[in-house]
Amino acid sequence: MTSISSVGLSTAHISNGCLQEASESTSPSQLQSGDKVYLLQRAINGSLAQIGVSDVEPDRVYHKGIELIEVYDEDGNLIIREKEKTRHHKRGKVSATISPASRRRLLRLCASFDKATIDQKQVLFATLTYGSDDRALSWTWEDYKRHLNNFLTQLRRKYGKTFFGIWRVEWQKRGVGHFHLVLMFVNGFKAYIDKNWLAETWNQVTGGNQDHLEAGTSIERAKNWKETSKYFSKTMAYMAKETDAEIFTSELADKQLGRHWGYINRDILKNHINIKTSGISRQTFSQLRRVFLKYLKRCKERRGTFNARWWQVFKRRICEHDFNLSVFIEDRVVQRLVEVIE
């Protein structure tokens, strides 16, 4: 799989060849080897959309890059049913800062939440820090994992299955890390964690002193989805500059670093992500790709990261080699685009 890194963008290479186009109304029995199926994947009530092309092989339809369970054509007929794939990758050397690929996965997860099932005001941001004494400086990633697991176990015991979330560890040059947590309370439960309980529990888990008890934690409530999205991109998915990353990695080599983020109550989290993959026509696919590319270009220009030469190469590869294209865009906007195009 080939990929191109970009802010708000993820791509995966799709095999090309002498293929024929499959009509959006093609039934499973009419699909032949070499046909193409054009696909639109949406995070329902989220802010992630992806378009791609699937090649048809004899007795099997698959799509690389988009995980499929069921795919329907525009008339609601089932075209593809496929079991979710499990991929096993050998973990390479872990950097002290989050990698671009890991950051994209985190942002894609955050953009996939079904906002209709989560009250925007029942979201908490928590920070768990460490002291600066010799003991804290000597802890490795195994110690950090033990502390986090201990804390999350006590959090689950106190609040049960009323919430889910994501954690992120961030390292500092002085050799100490800290955790950021986003906790979403669902099913009508109020987002509330007593700040004294939080401070005392984390202090007990880490064996901190009085200073750590008073300043080792913080917690605040989100005001709306805009603030939550900003926290995801600016705090949870923060990525240091390349030069800083090299310094961090060399200075923290003895920490035996591990993963940078993970799930909290994953079984509950999965119930609040609703991904729909549908078959679309060639015309709809082309028009959506054109709109998505314009949107991505404007985003990069607005952030001051646009490079005309790089963009021309990127756009040509996207359009000529059937790459998947993902954008962070509100689901309601995607639905409206499809309605206008069709």
Protein backbone atom coordinates (compact mmCIF):
# COMPACT_ATOMS: atom_id res chain seq x y z
CA MET A 1 0.00 0.00 0.00
CA THR A 2 1.29 3.42 -0.99
CA SER A 3 0.27 6.53 0.88
CA ILE A 4 0.74 10.28 0.65
CA SER A 5 0.77 12.41 3.80
CA SER A 6 -1.12 15.67 3.94
CA VAL A 7 -3.14 17.66 6.44
CA GLY A 8 -6.76 16.57 6.22
CA LEU A 9 -5.92 13.92 3.67
CA SER A 10 -5.23 10.20 3.45
CA THR A 11 -4.64 8.12 0.31
CA ALA A 12 -4.05 4.48 -0.51
CA HIS A 13 -3.00 3.08 -3.88
CA ILE A 14 -5.50 1.02 -5.85
CA SER A 15 -4.27 -1.38 -8.53
CA ASN A 16 -4.95 -0.06 -12.02
CA GLY A 17 -5.16 -1.87 -15.32
CA CYS A 18 -7.27 -2.49 -18.39
CA LEU A 19 -10.57 -2.40 -16.52
CA GLN A 20 -14.12 -1.71 -17.59
CA GLU A 21 -16.52 0.52 -15.69
CA ALA A 22 -19.33 -1.11 -13.72
CA SER A 23 -22.63 0.79 -13.77
CA GLU A 24 -23.96 1.99 -10.44
CA SER A 25 -27.07 -0.10 -11.07
CA THR A 26 -25.13 -3.29 -11.78
CA SER A 27 -26.37 -6.26 -9.79
CA PRO A 28 -23.96 -8.78 -8.19
CA SER A 29 -24.72 -11.36 -10.88
CA GLN A 30 -23.82 -8.87 -13.63
CA LEU A 31 -20.43 -7.90 -12.20
CA GLN A 32 -17.55 -9.40 -14.14
CA SER A 33 -13.83 -9.68 -13.58
CA GLY A 34 -12.21 -6.35 -14.46
CA ASP A 35 -15.25 -4.19 -13.67
CA LYS A 36 -14.94 -1.16 -11.45
CA VAL A 37 -17.22 -0.28 -8.54
CA TYR A 38 -17.12 3.37 -7.40
CA LEU A 39 -17.61 3.88 -3.69
CA LEU A 40 -18.42 6.66 -1.24
CA GLN A 41 -17.76 6.07 2.46
CA ARG A 42 -19.28 8.46 5.03
CA ALA A 43 -19.06 8.76 8.78
CA ILE A 44 -22.75 9.31 9.54
CA ASN A 45 -23.21 12.60 11.46
CA GLY A 46 -19.42 12.87 11.60
CA SER A 47 -16.88 14.84 9.57
CA LEU A 48 -15.07 12.24 7.44
CA ALA A 49 -15.72 11.19 3.84
CA GLN A 50 -13.75 8.96 1.49
CA ILE A 51 -14.14 8.00 -2.16
CA GLY A 52 -12.43 5.08 -3.86
CA VAL A 53 -12.58 2.45 -6.59
CA SER A 54 -12.87 -1.30 -6.14
CA ASP A 55 -11.76 -3.89 -8.71
CA VAL A 56 -13.83 -7.01 -9.24
CA GLU A 57 -12.16 -10.43 -9.25
CA PRO A 58 -13.89 -13.74 -10.12
CA ASP A 59 -16.30 -14.75 -7.30
CA ARG A 60 -14.92 -12.02 -5.06
CA VAL A 61 -15.28 -8.28 -4.74
CA TYR A 62 -12.81 -6.41 -2.57
CA HIS A 63 -11.67 -2.88 -1.96
CA LYS A 64 -8.25 -1.94 -0.74
CA GLY A 65 -8.05 0.97 1.66
CA ILE A 66 -11.74 1.04 2.63
CA GLU A 67 -12.84 -1.61 5.12
CA LEU A 68 -16.15 -2.96 3.89
CA ILE A 69 -18.88 -4.95 5.56
CA GLU A 70 -21.80 -4.11 3.27
CA VAL A 71 -21.96 -2.00 0.10
CA TYR A 72 -25.21 -0.95 -1.61
CA ASP A 73 -25.88 0.59 -5.01
CA GLU A 74 -27.96 3.75 -5.47
CA ASP A 75 -31.18 1.71 -5.60
CA GLY A 76 -30.48 0.09 -2.23
CA ASN A 77 -29.42 -3.29 -3.66
CA LEU A 78 -26.63 -5.16 -1.89
CA ILE A 79 -23.55 -5.30 -4.13
CA ILE A 80 -20.79 -6.37 -1.75
CA ARG A 81 -20.72 -8.11 1.58
CA GLU A 82 -17.28 -8.64 3.05
CA LYS A 83 -15.90 -9.55 6.45
CA GLU A 84 -13.80 -6.95 8.20
CA LYS A 85 -10.11 -7.65 7.69
CA THR A 86 -7.62 -7.96 10.54
CA ARG A 87 -4.15 -6.69 9.69
CA HIS A 88 -1.02 -7.51 11.60
CA HIS A 89 1.96 -5.19 11.28
CA LYS A 90 5.30 -5.46 12.99
CA ARG A 91 5.87 -2.32 15.05
CA GLY A 92 9.02 -0.45 14.11
CA LYS A 93 11.08 1.94 16.20
CA VAL A 94 8.81 4.27 18.18
CA SER A 95 9.60 7.98 18.10
CA ALA A 96 9.15 10.30 21.07
CA THR A 97 6.54 12.23 19.06
CA ILE A 98 3.50 10.94 17.23
CA SER A 99 4.15 9.95 13.61
CA PRO A 100 2.18 11.47 10.69
CA ALA A 101 0.51 8.10 10.02
CA SER A 102 -0.51 7.64 13.66
CA ARG A 103 -1.77 11.23 13.77
CA ARG A 104 -3.92 10.64 10.68
CA ARG A 105 -5.42 7.50 12.25
CA LEU A 106 -6.23 9.43 15.41
CA LEU A 107 -7.83 12.32 13.52
CA ARG A 108 -9.83 9.92 11.35
CA LEU A 109 -11.16 8.24 14.49
CA CYS A 110 -12.12 11.57 16.05
CA ALA A 111 -13.86 12.63 12.82
CA SER A 112 -15.86 9.39 12.70
CA PHE A 113 -17.93 9.91 15.86
CA ASP A 114 -21.69 10.04 15.31
CA LYS A 115 -22.43 13.42 16.87
CA ALA A 116 -26.14 12.69 16.95
CA THR A 117 -25.51 10.09 19.67
CA ILE A 118 -23.22 12.28 21.82
CA ASP A 119 -24.26 15.42 23.69
CA GLN A 120 -21.70 18.10 22.79
CA LYS A 121 -21.77 19.43 26.37
CA GLN A 122 -21.17 16.04 27.99
CA VAL A 123 -17.49 15.89 26.99
CA LEU A 124 -14.58 16.35 29.40
CA PHE A 125 -10.91 17.18 28.79
CA ALA A 126 -8.56 15.85 31.48
CA THR A 127 -4.79 16.12 31.92
CA LEU A 128 -2.68 13.83 34.11
CA THR A 129 0.86 15.03 34.76
CA TYR A 130 3.97 13.84 36.62
CA GLY A 131 6.34 15.57 39.00
CA SER A 132 9.94 16.51 38.20
CA ASP A 133 11.74 14.59 40.94
CA ASP A 134 14.32 11.85 40.30
CA ARG A 135 11.74 9.12 40.79
CA ALA A 136 9.47 10.49 38.07
CA LEU A 137 12.43 10.95 35.74
CA SER A 138 13.45 7.30 36.16
CA TRP A 139 10.11 5.80 35.08
CA THR A 140 9.91 4.00 31.73
CA TRP A 141 6.96 3.47 29.40
CA GLU A 142 6.08 0.26 31.28
CA ASP A 143 5.60 2.36 34.43
CA TYR A 144 3.48 4.85 32.52
CA LYS A 145 1.27 2.07 31.15
CA ARG A 146 0.84 0.61 34.63
CA HIS A 147 -0.16 4.01 36.03
CA LEU A 148 -2.63 4.68 33.19
CA ASN A 149 -4.22 1.22 33.39
CA ASN A 150 -4.55 1.53 37.17
CA PHE A 151 -6.19 4.94 36.88
CA LEU A 152 -8.59 3.87 34.10
CA THR A 153 -9.58 0.79 36.10
CA GLN A 154 -10.57 3.00 39.05
CA LEU A 155 -12.36 5.40 36.69
CA ARG A 156 -14.44 2.53 35.27
CA ARG A 157 -15.25 1.23 38.73
CA LYS A 158 -16.55 4.65 39.78
CA TYR A 159 -18.45 5.61 36.63
CA GLY A 160 -19.16 2.22 35.02
CA LYS A 161 -20.07 2.06 31.33
CA THR A 162 -21.40 5.60 31.16
CA PHE A 163 -18.53 6.93 29.05
CA PHE A 164 -15.85 6.22 26.48
CA GLY A 165 -12.83 8.16 25.31
CA ILE A 166 -9.30 8.43 23.98
CA TRP A 167 -5.99 8.93 25.74
CA ARG A 168 -2.77 10.46 24.39
CA VAL A 169 0.69 10.58 25.95
CA GLU A 170 2.92 13.58 25.23
CA TRP A 171 6.61 13.68 26.11
CA GLN A 172 8.70 16.67 27.19
CA LYS A 173 12.40 17.32 26.79
CA ARG A 174 12.98 17.06 30.53
CA GLY A 175 12.23 13.33 30.27
CA VAL A 176 8.74 13.31 31.75
CA GLY A 177 5.46 12.70 29.95
CA HIS A 178 1.84 13.51 30.67
CA PHE A 179 -1.53 12.17 29.53
CA HIS A 180 -4.38 13.96 27.77
CA LEU A 181 -7.82 12.34 28.01
CA VAL A 182 -11.06 13.07 26.16
CA LEU A 183 -14.01 11.48 27.97
CA MET A 184 -17.48 11.39 26.40
CA PHE A 185 -20.46 10.55 28.60
CA VAL A 186 -23.39 9.01 26.74
CA ASN A 187 -26.88 7.54 27.16
CA GLY A 188 -28.09 10.52 29.16
CA PHE A 189 -25.36 10.47 31.82
CA LYS A 190 -23.94 13.81 32.93
CA ALA A 191 -20.26 14.42 32.32
CA TYR A 192 -18.93 14.97 35.80
CA ILE A 193 -15.74 13.89 37.56
CA ASP A 194 -14.98 15.39 40.94
CA LYS A 195 -11.67 17.29 40.64
CA ASN A 196 -10.61 16.28 44.16
CA TRP A 197 -11.23 12.59 43.40
CA LEU A 198 -9.27 12.98 40.18
CA ALA A 199 -6.29 14.60 41.92
CA GLU A 200 -6.24 12.15 44.82
CA THR A 201 -6.60 9.07 42.64
CA TRP A 202 -3.85 10.06 40.20
CA ASN A 203 -1.57 11.13 43.04
CA GLN A 204 -2.08 7.79 44.78
CA VAL A 205 -1.47 5.83 41.56
CA THR A 206 1.82 7.62 40.86
CA GLY A 207 2.97 7.99 44.47
CA GLY A 208 3.25 11.76 44.16
CA ASN A 209 3.95 14.33 46.87
CA GLN A 210 1.80 17.19 48.13
CA ASP A 211 2.86 19.53 45.33
CA HIS A 212 1.85 16.88 42.78
CA LEU A 213 -1.49 16.40 44.54
CA GLU A 214 -2.27 20.10 44.17
CA ALA A 215 -1.04 20.59 40.59
CA GLY A 216 -0.89 17.12 38.99
CA THR A 217 -4.30 17.11 37.29
CA SER A 218 -6.78 19.35 35.53
CA ILE A 219 -10.25 18.84 34.07
CA GLU A 220 -12.69 21.00 32.11
CA ARG A 221 -15.93 20.61 30.22
CA ALA A 222 -16.26 21.17 26.48
CA LYS A 223 -18.61 23.95 25.42
CA ASN A 224 -19.52 22.59 21.99
CA TRP A 225 -18.35 20.36 19.13
CA LYS A 226 -16.20 23.15 17.69
CA GLU A 227 -14.16 23.27 20.90
CA THR A 228 -13.91 19.46 21.00
CA SER A 229 -12.70 19.33 17.39
CA LYS A 230 -10.10 21.99 18.16
CA TYR A 231 -8.91 20.00 21.18
CA PHE A 232 -8.59 16.89 19.03
CA SER A 233 -6.47 18.61 16.37
CA LYS A 234 -4.43 21.03 18.54
CA THR A 235 -3.85 18.94 21.68
CA MET A 236 -4.61 15.26 21.13
CA ALA A 237 -3.02 15.18 17.66
CA TYR A 238 -0.21 17.67 18.34
CA MET A 239 2.95 16.76 16.45
CA ALA A 240 6.33 18.34 17.23
CA LYS A 241 8.58 19.75 14.54
CA GLU A 242 10.95 17.28 12.90
CA THR A 243 14.03 18.74 14.62
CA ASP A 244 12.36 18.57 18.03
CA ALA A 245 11.25 14.99 17.35
CA GLU A 246 14.86 13.92 16.75
CA ILE A 247 16.00 15.58 19.99
CA PHE A 248 13.13 14.04 21.96
CA THR A 249 13.82 10.56 20.60
CA SER A 250 17.54 10.62 21.47
CA GLU A 251 17.00 12.06 24.96
CA LEU A 252 14.19 9.62 25.79
CA ALA A 253 15.83 6.49 24.35
CA ASP A 254 15.96 4.83 27.78
CA LYS A 255 12.20 5.19 28.26
CA GLN A 256 11.44 2.22 25.95
CA LEU A 257 8.67 4.23 24.32
CA GLY A 258 5.39 2.66 23.24
CA ARG A 259 2.19 3.72 21.51
CA HIS A 260 1.14 7.35 21.62
CA TRP A 261 -2.64 7.00 21.97
CA GLY A 262 -5.35 4.47 22.67
CA TYR A 263 -9.00 3.78 23.43
CA ILE A 264 -10.95 4.02 26.68
CA ASN A 265 -13.95 1.66 26.87
CA ARG A 266 -13.56 0.66 23.23
CA ASP A 267 -16.65 -1.56 23.24
CA ILE A 268 -18.79 1.50 24.00
CA LEU A 269 -16.84 3.74 21.61
CA LYS A 270 -17.61 1.45 18.65
CA ASN A 271 -21.34 1.94 19.23
CA HIS A 272 -20.94 5.65 18.47
CA ILE A 273 -19.32 5.27 15.06
CA ASN A 274 -21.58 4.62 12.09
CA ILE A 275 -19.76 4.17 8.78
CA LYS A 276 -21.82 3.79 5.60
CA THR A 277 -20.30 2.71 2.29
CA SER A 278 -22.41 3.09 -0.85
CA GLY A 279 -21.95 2.47 -4.55
CA ILE A 280 -21.98 5.63 -6.68
CA SER A 281 -21.82 6.36 -10.41
CA ARG A 282 -18.64 7.23 -12.27
CA GLN A 283 -19.98 10.75 -12.81
CA THR A 284 -20.72 11.25 -9.10
CA PHE A 285 -17.27 9.88 -8.21
CA SER A 286 -15.51 12.29 -10.60
CA GLN A 287 -17.50 15.31 -9.41
CA LEU A 288 -16.91 14.51 -5.74
CA ARG A 289 -13.19 14.08 -6.40
CA ARG A 290 -13.08 17.48 -8.08
CA VAL A 291 -14.88 19.15 -5.15
CA PHE A 292 -12.76 17.33 -2.53
CA LEU A 293 -9.52 18.39 -4.23
CA LYS A 294 -10.64 22.03 -4.36
CA TYR A 295 -11.59 21.88 -0.70
CA LEU A 296 -8.20 20.40 0.27
CA LYS A 297 -6.37 23.04 -1.74
CA ARG A 298 -8.26 25.84 0.02
CA CYS A 299 -7.50 24.28 3.42
CA LYS A 300 -3.78 24.19 2.67
CA GLU A 301 -3.82 27.75 1.33
CA ARG A 302 -5.63 28.95 4.44
CA ARG A 303 -3.02 27.27 6.68
CA GLY A 304 -0.15 28.66 4.61
CA THR A 305 1.15 25.18 3.72
CA PHE A 306 0.24 25.15 0.02
CA ASN A 307 3.06 24.25 -2.39
CA ALA A 308 2.07 24.63 -6.05
CA ARG A 309 4.67 22.20 -7.40
CA TRP A 310 3.84 19.50 -4.85
CA TRP A 311 0.11 20.00 -5.45
CA GLN A 312 0.36 19.47 -9.20
CA VAL A 313 2.20 16.16 -8.69
CA PHE A 314 -0.23 15.07 -5.98
CA LYS A 315 -3.33 15.97 -8.02
CA ARG A 316 -2.03 14.17 -11.10
CA ARG A 317 -1.34 10.99 -9.11
CA ILE A 318 -4.78 11.13 -7.49
CA CYS A 319 -6.58 11.51 -10.82
CA GLU A 320 -4.49 9.19 -12.99
CA HIS A 321 -3.89 6.24 -10.67
CA ASP A 322 -7.19 5.74 -8.85
CA PHE A 323 -6.08 6.65 -5.37
CA ASN A 324 -8.57 6.75 -2.53
CA LEU A 325 -9.21 10.29 -1.34
CA SER A 326 -10.31 11.24 2.19
CA VAL A 327 -11.38 14.65 3.49
CA PHE A 328 -12.45 15.98 6.87
CA ILE A 329 -15.80 17.49 5.96
CA GLU A 330 -19.20 17.51 7.69
CA ASP A 331 -21.50 14.64 6.71
CA ARG A 332 -24.41 16.97 6.00
CA VAL A 333 -22.25 18.81 3.46
CA VAL A 334 -21.35 15.54 1.71
CA GLN A 335 -25.02 14.53 1.56
CA ARG A 336 -25.91 17.89 0.05
CA LEU A 337 -23.10 17.57 -2.52
CA VAL A 338 -24.35 14.16 -3.65
CA GLU A 339 -27.91 15.49 -3.96
CA VAL A 340 -26.77 18.43 -6.10
CA ILE A 341 -24.51 16.27 -8.31
CA GLU A 342 -27.15 13.62 -8.94
